Amino acid sequence: TQLQKFPNFLKRRKENARIFKKLLGNQTYCSIQKCDEDSSWHGFSILLEGSLKDKRDYVIYELHQNGIETRPILTGNFLKNSVCDFMNYEISGILKNVESVDRRGFFVGNSHINLENQLLKLSETIQKIYKNIN
């Protein structure tokens, strides 16, 4: 029964993604994920840029203060997870991209309901944080 609802769920998620891209896609203070048309847009990843680049904790704190939940992108830098103490693994080279995503990135969820107002609040809040820093 749930699978019958999937096409409409996917359509709404993609509509939310269009709003997200319109609001945050061309900002100097962040970059967003790039997905093709086949993406289900589980959520929205944001990397802070410019004067917000090193302010991730502050931005997340301010978003939380404004009722906006965030999560790390995937697990952040998984190598910082204590489970790695129990694993046999090797690292090849410097993981600068992983570190960059871990320091600058966060994720906000998507849904099968219209999130236009919530995405507008997200955009306005990040823009306000940016203006307060500059």
N, C-alpha and C. Protein backbone atom coordinates (compact mmCIF):
# COMPACT_ATOMS: atom_id res chain seq x y z
N THR A 1 0.82 -1.20 0.00
CA THR A 1 0.00 0.00 0.00
C THR A 1 0.86 1.26 0.00
N GLN A 2 1.94 1.26 0.79
CA GLN A 2 2.81 2.42 0.84
C GLN A 2 3.49 2.68 -0.50
N LEU A 3 3.87 1.63 -1.21
CA LEU A 3 4.53 1.80 -2.50
C LEU A 3 3.66 2.53 -3.52
N GLN A 4 2.36 2.40 -3.38
CA GLN A 4 1.45 3.11 -4.28
C GLN A 4 1.54 4.62 -4.08
N LYS A 5 1.94 5.03 -2.89
CA LYS A 5 2.07 6.46 -2.58
C LYS A 5 3.40 7.04 -3.04
N PHE A 6 4.35 6.16 -3.36
CA PHE A 6 5.71 6.60 -3.67
C PHE A 6 5.80 7.65 -4.78
N PRO A 7 5.13 7.49 -5.92
CA PRO A 7 5.26 8.52 -6.97
C PRO A 7 4.90 9.93 -6.49
N ASN A 8 3.86 10.04 -5.69
CA ASN A 8 3.48 11.37 -5.18
C ASN A 8 4.47 11.86 -4.13
N PHE A 9 4.97 10.95 -3.30
CA PHE A 9 5.99 11.32 -2.32
C PHE A 9 7.23 11.86 -3.03
N LEU A 10 7.67 11.15 -4.05
CA LEU A 10 8.86 11.54 -4.80
C LEU A 10 8.65 12.88 -5.50
N LYS A 11 7.48 13.07 -6.06
CA LYS A 11 7.16 14.33 -6.73
C LYS A 11 7.26 15.50 -5.75
N ARG A 12 6.72 15.35 -4.56
CA ARG A 12 6.76 16.43 -3.56
C ARG A 12 8.20 16.67 -3.10
N ARG A 13 8.98 15.60 -2.90
CA ARG A 13 10.38 15.77 -2.50
C ARG A 13 11.15 16.56 -3.55
N LYS A 14 10.90 16.27 -4.81
CA LYS A 14 11.57 16.99 -5.89
C LYS A 14 11.12 18.45 -5.95
N GLU A 15 9.85 18.71 -5.66
CA GLU A 15 9.37 20.09 -5.61
C GLU A 15 10.05 20.84 -4.46
N ASN A 16 10.19 20.19 -3.32
CA ASN A 16 10.92 20.80 -2.21
C ASN A 16 12.36 21.07 -2.61
N ALA A 17 12.97 20.15 -3.35
CA ALA A 17 14.36 20.32 -3.80
C ALA A 17 14.49 21.53 -4.72
N ARG A 18 13.53 21.74 -5.58
CA ARG A 18 13.56 22.91 -6.47
C ARG A 18 13.54 24.20 -5.64
N ILE A 19 12.72 24.22 -4.60
CA ILE A 19 12.66 25.40 -3.72
C ILE A 19 13.99 25.58 -3.00
N PHE A 20 14.53 24.50 -2.46
CA PHE A 20 15.82 24.53 -1.78
C PHE A 20 16.91 25.08 -2.68
N LYS A 21 16.98 24.58 -3.91
CA LYS A 21 18.00 25.03 -4.86
C LYS A 21 17.81 26.50 -5.21
N LYS A 22 16.57 26.92 -5.36
CA LYS A 22 16.29 28.32 -5.69
C LYS A 22 16.73 29.25 -4.55
N LEU A 23 16.48 28.85 -3.31
CA LEU A 23 16.80 29.69 -2.16
C LEU A 23 18.28 29.70 -1.81
N LEU A 24 18.94 28.55 -1.94
CA LEU A 24 20.31 28.44 -1.43
C LEU A 24 21.34 28.11 -2.50
N GLY A 25 20.92 27.92 -3.73
CA GLY A 25 21.82 27.46 -4.77
C GLY A 25 22.86 28.45 -5.25
N ASN A 26 22.62 29.73 -5.09
CA ASN A 26 23.55 30.73 -5.63
C ASN A 26 24.03 31.72 -4.57
N GLN A 27 24.24 31.22 -3.37
CA GLN A 27 24.68 32.08 -2.28
C GLN A 27 26.19 32.00 -2.10
N THR A 28 26.80 33.08 -1.68
CA THR A 28 28.26 33.09 -1.47
C THR A 28 28.65 32.44 -0.15
N TYR A 29 27.71 32.30 0.77
CA TYR A 29 28.02 31.77 2.10
C TYR A 29 27.79 30.27 2.23
N CYS A 30 27.34 29.62 1.16
CA CYS A 30 27.18 28.17 1.21
C CYS A 30 27.16 27.59 -0.19
N SER A 31 27.43 26.30 -0.24
CA SER A 31 27.22 25.54 -1.48
C SER A 31 26.34 24.36 -1.11
N ILE A 32 25.59 23.90 -2.07
CA ILE A 32 24.65 22.82 -1.81
C ILE A 32 24.97 21.62 -2.69
N GLN A 33 24.40 20.49 -2.30
CA GLN A 33 24.61 19.26 -3.06
C GLN A 33 24.05 19.41 -4.47
N LYS A 34 24.63 18.67 -5.36
CA LYS A 34 24.15 18.65 -6.74
C LYS A 34 23.68 17.24 -7.04
N CYS A 35 22.44 17.10 -7.44
CA CYS A 35 21.85 15.80 -7.73
C CYS A 35 21.19 15.85 -9.10
N ASP A 36 21.15 14.72 -9.74
CA ASP A 36 20.45 14.66 -11.03
C ASP A 36 18.95 14.46 -10.80
N GLU A 37 18.23 14.41 -11.85
CA GLU A 37 16.77 14.30 -11.77
C GLU A 37 16.29 12.99 -11.16
N ASP A 38 17.15 11.97 -11.12
CA ASP A 38 16.74 10.68 -10.56
C ASP A 38 16.87 10.62 -9.04
N SER A 39 17.41 11.65 -8.43
CA SER A 39 17.60 11.65 -6.98
C SER A 39 16.25 11.65 -6.27
N SER A 40 16.20 10.96 -5.14
CA SER A 40 14.98 10.98 -4.32
C SER A 40 15.01 12.11 -3.31
N TRP A 41 16.14 12.85 -3.25
CA TRP A 41 16.28 13.99 -2.36
C TRP A 41 15.83 13.66 -0.93
N HIS A 42 16.52 12.71 -0.34
CA HIS A 42 16.24 12.33 1.05
C HIS A 42 16.36 13.54 1.97
N GLY A 43 17.29 14.41 1.66
CA GLY A 43 17.48 15.62 2.45
C GLY A 43 18.37 16.57 1.69
N PHE A 44 18.83 17.61 2.37
CA PHE A 44 19.60 18.67 1.73
C PHE A 44 20.91 18.89 2.47
N SER A 45 22.01 18.72 1.77
CA SER A 45 23.33 18.94 2.35
C SER A 45 23.81 20.34 2.02
N ILE A 46 24.41 20.97 3.02
CA ILE A 46 24.91 22.33 2.88
C ILE A 46 26.35 22.37 3.37
N LEU A 47 27.23 23.00 2.58
CA LEU A 47 28.61 23.27 3.00
C LEU A 47 28.75 24.77 3.17
N LEU A 48 29.20 25.19 4.33
CA LEU A 48 29.38 26.62 4.58
C LEU A 48 30.62 27.12 3.86
N GLU A 49 30.51 28.32 3.31
CA GLU A 49 31.59 28.94 2.54
C GLU A 49 31.89 30.33 3.09
N GLY A 50 32.92 30.94 2.56
CA GLY A 50 33.26 32.32 2.89
C GLY A 50 33.41 32.56 4.37
N SER A 51 32.80 33.62 4.87
CA SER A 51 32.94 33.98 6.29
C SER A 51 32.22 33.01 7.22
N LEU A 52 31.39 32.12 6.68
CA LEU A 52 30.72 31.10 7.51
C LEU A 52 31.50 29.79 7.52
N LYS A 53 32.52 29.70 6.70
CA LYS A 53 33.26 28.44 6.50
C LYS A 53 33.72 27.80 7.80
N ASP A 54 34.21 28.57 8.73
CA ASP A 54 34.70 28.04 10.00
C ASP A 54 33.73 28.29 11.15
N LYS A 55 32.48 28.50 10.83
CA LYS A 55 31.48 28.83 11.85
C LYS A 55 30.37 27.77 11.95
N ARG A 56 30.66 26.54 11.56
CA ARG A 56 29.64 25.49 11.52
C ARG A 56 28.91 25.33 12.85
N ASP A 57 29.67 25.21 13.94
CA ASP A 57 29.03 25.01 15.25
C ASP A 57 28.12 26.17 15.60
N TYR A 58 28.57 27.38 15.32
CA TYR A 58 27.76 28.57 15.59
C TYR A 58 26.49 28.58 14.73
N VAL A 59 26.64 28.26 13.44
CA VAL A 59 25.49 28.24 12.54
C VAL A 59 24.48 27.19 13.00
N ILE A 60 24.96 26.01 13.33
CA ILE A 60 24.06 24.94 13.79
C ILE A 60 23.37 25.34 15.08
N TYR A 61 24.11 25.97 15.98
CA TYR A 61 23.51 26.46 17.24
C TYR A 61 22.40 27.45 16.94
N GLU A 62 22.67 28.43 16.08
CA GLU A 62 21.67 29.44 15.75
C GLU A 62 20.45 28.83 15.04
N LEU A 63 20.70 27.87 14.15
CA LEU A 63 19.57 27.20 13.49
C LEU A 63 18.71 26.49 14.53
N HIS A 64 19.36 25.80 15.45
CA HIS A 64 18.63 25.10 16.51
C HIS A 64 17.82 26.09 17.35
N GLN A 65 18.42 27.23 17.67
CA GLN A 65 17.72 28.26 18.45
C GLN A 65 16.48 28.76 17.71
N ASN A 66 16.49 28.62 16.39
CA ASN A 66 15.35 29.06 15.57
C ASN A 66 14.44 27.89 15.18
N GLY A 67 14.59 26.76 15.86
CA GLY A 67 13.71 25.62 15.64
C GLY A 67 14.03 24.79 14.40
N ILE A 68 15.24 24.90 13.90
CA ILE A 68 15.64 24.18 12.69
C ILE A 68 16.62 23.07 13.07
N GLU A 69 16.21 21.82 12.85
CA GLU A 69 17.06 20.68 13.18
C GLU A 69 18.06 20.42 12.06
N THR A 70 19.25 19.99 12.45
CA THR A 70 20.29 19.62 11.49
C THR A 70 20.88 18.29 11.92
N ARG A 71 21.60 17.68 11.00
CA ARG A 71 22.35 16.46 11.27
C ARG A 71 23.68 16.57 10.52
N PRO A 72 24.68 15.80 10.96
CA PRO A 72 25.91 15.75 10.16
C PRO A 72 25.61 15.14 8.80
N ILE A 73 26.41 15.50 7.81
CA ILE A 73 26.27 14.85 6.50
C ILE A 73 26.76 13.42 6.68
N LEU A 74 25.90 12.49 6.45
CA LEU A 74 26.16 11.07 6.72
C LEU A 74 26.66 10.93 8.15
N THR A 75 27.88 10.56 8.33
CA THR A 75 28.40 10.43 9.70
C THR A 75 29.46 11.47 9.98
N GLY A 76 29.62 12.43 9.13
CA GLY A 76 30.76 13.34 9.27
C GLY A 76 32.01 12.57 8.89
N ASN A 77 33.07 12.78 9.60
CA ASN A 77 34.29 12.01 9.38
C ASN A 77 34.17 10.73 10.19
N PHE A 78 33.85 9.64 9.54
CA PHE A 78 33.60 8.37 10.22
C PHE A 78 34.82 7.92 11.03
N LEU A 79 36.00 8.32 10.62
CA LEU A 79 37.21 7.90 11.34
C LEU A 79 37.27 8.48 12.75
N LYS A 80 36.45 9.48 13.04
CA LYS A 80 36.38 10.03 14.39
C LYS A 80 35.43 9.22 15.28
N ASN A 81 34.72 8.28 14.68
CA ASN A 81 33.78 7.44 15.42
C ASN A 81 34.56 6.42 16.24
N SER A 82 34.19 6.24 17.49
CA SER A 82 34.92 5.33 18.38
C SER A 82 34.87 3.88 17.93
N VAL A 83 33.94 3.53 17.08
CA VAL A 83 33.88 2.15 16.59
C VAL A 83 35.15 1.81 15.80
N CYS A 84 35.81 2.81 15.26
CA CYS A 84 37.04 2.57 14.50
C CYS A 84 38.14 1.98 15.37
N ASP A 85 38.04 2.15 16.69
CA ASP A 85 39.02 1.54 17.59
C ASP A 85 38.98 0.02 17.51
N PHE A 86 37.88 -0.52 17.04
CA PHE A 86 37.70 -1.97 16.98
C PHE A 86 37.85 -2.52 15.57
N MET A 87 38.24 -1.69 14.63
CA MET A 87 38.32 -2.10 13.24
C MET A 87 39.77 -2.11 12.76
N ASN A 88 40.05 -3.01 11.85
CA ASN A 88 41.35 -3.06 11.20
C ASN A 88 41.20 -2.34 9.86
N TYR A 89 41.84 -1.20 9.71
CA TYR A 89 41.69 -0.43 8.48
C TYR A 89 42.98 0.32 8.19
N GLU A 90 43.09 0.78 6.96
CA GLU A 90 44.21 1.61 6.53
C GLU A 90 43.66 2.86 5.88
N ILE A 91 44.41 3.94 6.00
CA ILE A 91 44.05 5.19 5.35
C ILE A 91 45.12 5.48 4.30
N SER A 92 44.66 5.76 3.10
CA SER A 92 45.58 6.05 2.01
C SER A 92 45.57 7.55 1.74
N GLY A 93 46.61 8.23 2.12
CA GLY A 93 46.70 9.65 1.84
C GLY A 93 46.00 10.51 2.87
N ILE A 94 45.88 11.77 2.54
CA ILE A 94 45.24 12.76 3.41
C ILE A 94 43.78 12.85 3.01
N LEU A 95 42.91 12.87 3.98
CA LEU A 95 41.47 12.90 3.73
C LEU A 95 40.94 14.32 3.83
N LYS A 96 41.48 15.22 3.01
CA LYS A 96 41.12 16.64 3.14
C LYS A 96 39.65 16.90 2.82
N ASN A 97 39.06 16.19 1.87
CA ASN A 97 37.65 16.41 1.55
C ASN A 97 36.75 15.93 2.67
N VAL A 98 37.08 14.80 3.27
CA VAL A 98 36.30 14.29 4.39
C VAL A 98 36.35 15.28 5.55
N GLU A 99 37.53 15.78 5.83
CA GLU A 99 37.69 16.75 6.91
C GLU A 99 36.93 18.04 6.61
N SER A 100 36.98 18.47 5.37
CA SER A 100 36.28 19.69 4.98
C SER A 100 34.77 19.54 5.16
N VAL A 101 34.22 18.43 4.70
CA VAL A 101 32.78 18.18 4.86
C VAL A 101 32.43 18.10 6.34
N ASP A 102 33.28 17.45 7.11
CA ASP A 102 33.02 17.29 8.54
C ASP A 102 33.03 18.64 9.26
N ARG A 103 33.93 19.54 8.90
CA ARG A 103 34.05 20.85 9.55
C ARG A 103 33.02 21.86 9.05
N ARG A 104 32.63 21.76 7.77
CA ARG A 104 31.81 22.81 7.16
C ARG A 104 30.38 22.39 6.83
N GLY A 105 30.09 21.10 6.90
CA GLY A 105 28.82 20.63 6.37
C GLY A 105 27.79 20.22 7.41
N PHE A 106 26.54 20.29 6.97
CA PHE A 106 25.43 19.74 7.74
C PHE A 106 24.29 19.42 6.78
N PHE A 107 23.29 18.77 7.32
CA PHE A 107 22.22 18.19 6.53
C PHE A 107 20.90 18.59 7.17
N VAL A 108 19.91 18.94 6.36
CA VAL A 108 18.54 19.13 6.84
C VAL A 108 17.65 18.19 6.06
N GLY A 109 16.65 17.68 6.71
CA GLY A 109 15.80 16.67 6.10
C GLY A 109 14.81 17.21 5.09
N ASN A 110 14.32 16.32 4.28
CA ASN A 110 13.26 16.61 3.31
C ASN A 110 12.05 15.79 3.72
N SER A 111 10.94 16.00 3.06
CA SER A 111 9.71 15.28 3.37
C SER A 111 8.83 15.19 2.13
N HIS A 112 7.78 14.42 2.27
CA HIS A 112 6.81 14.30 1.18
C HIS A 112 5.68 15.33 1.34
N ILE A 113 5.84 16.24 2.31
CA ILE A 113 4.88 17.34 2.44
C ILE A 113 5.56 18.63 1.96
N ASN A 114 4.78 19.64 1.69
CA ASN A 114 5.30 20.91 1.22
C ASN A 114 6.11 21.58 2.33
N LEU A 115 7.39 21.84 2.05
CA LEU A 115 8.29 22.46 3.02
C LEU A 115 8.67 23.89 2.64
N GLU A 116 7.92 24.51 1.78
CA GLU A 116 8.30 25.84 1.31
C GLU A 116 8.53 26.82 2.46
N ASN A 117 7.63 26.87 3.42
CA ASN A 117 7.78 27.81 4.54
C ASN A 117 9.00 27.47 5.39
N GLN A 118 9.24 26.18 5.63
CA GLN A 118 10.38 25.77 6.43
C GLN A 118 11.70 26.06 5.70
N LEU A 119 11.73 25.83 4.39
CA LEU A 119 12.94 26.11 3.62
C LEU A 119 13.21 27.60 3.53
N LEU A 120 12.16 28.38 3.45
CA LEU A 120 12.31 29.84 3.47
C LEU A 120 12.89 30.28 4.82
N LYS A 121 12.40 29.71 5.90
CA LYS A 121 12.92 30.03 7.23
C LYS A 121 14.40 29.63 7.34
N LEU A 122 14.76 28.47 6.81
CA LEU A 122 16.15 28.04 6.80
C LEU A 122 17.01 29.05 6.06
N SER A 123 16.60 29.40 4.87
CA SER A 123 17.36 30.35 4.05
C SER A 123 17.49 31.70 4.74
N GLU A 124 16.40 32.21 5.26
CA GLU A 124 16.42 33.52 5.92
C GLU A 124 17.29 33.50 7.16
N THR A 125 17.27 32.39 7.90
CA THR A 125 18.06 32.29 9.13
C THR A 125 19.55 32.26 8.81
N ILE A 126 19.94 31.47 7.81
CA ILE A 126 21.36 31.42 7.43
C ILE A 126 21.80 32.78 6.91
N GLN A 127 20.96 33.43 6.13
CA GLN A 127 21.31 34.75 5.60
C GLN A 127 21.47 35.77 6.75
N LYS A 128 20.61 35.69 7.74
CA LYS A 128 20.70 36.59 8.89
C LYS A 128 22.00 36.33 9.66
N ILE A 129 22.36 35.07 9.85
CA ILE A 129 23.62 34.73 10.52
C ILE A 129 24.79 35.31 9.73
N TYR A 130 24.76 35.14 8.42
CA TYR A 130 25.81 35.65 7.55
C TYR A 130 25.93 37.17 7.70
N LYS A 131 24.82 37.87 7.65
CA LYS A 131 24.85 39.33 7.77
C LYS A 131 25.34 39.78 9.14
N ASN A 132 25.01 39.04 10.20
CA ASN A 132 25.47 39.40 11.54
C ASN A 132 26.97 39.22 11.71
N ILE A 133 27.54 38.27 10.98
CA ILE A 133 28.99 38.03 11.06
C ILE A 133 29.76 39.06 10.26
N ASN A 134 29.17 39.51 9.16
CA ASN A 134 29.89 40.45 8.26
C ASN A 134 29.64 41.89 8.60
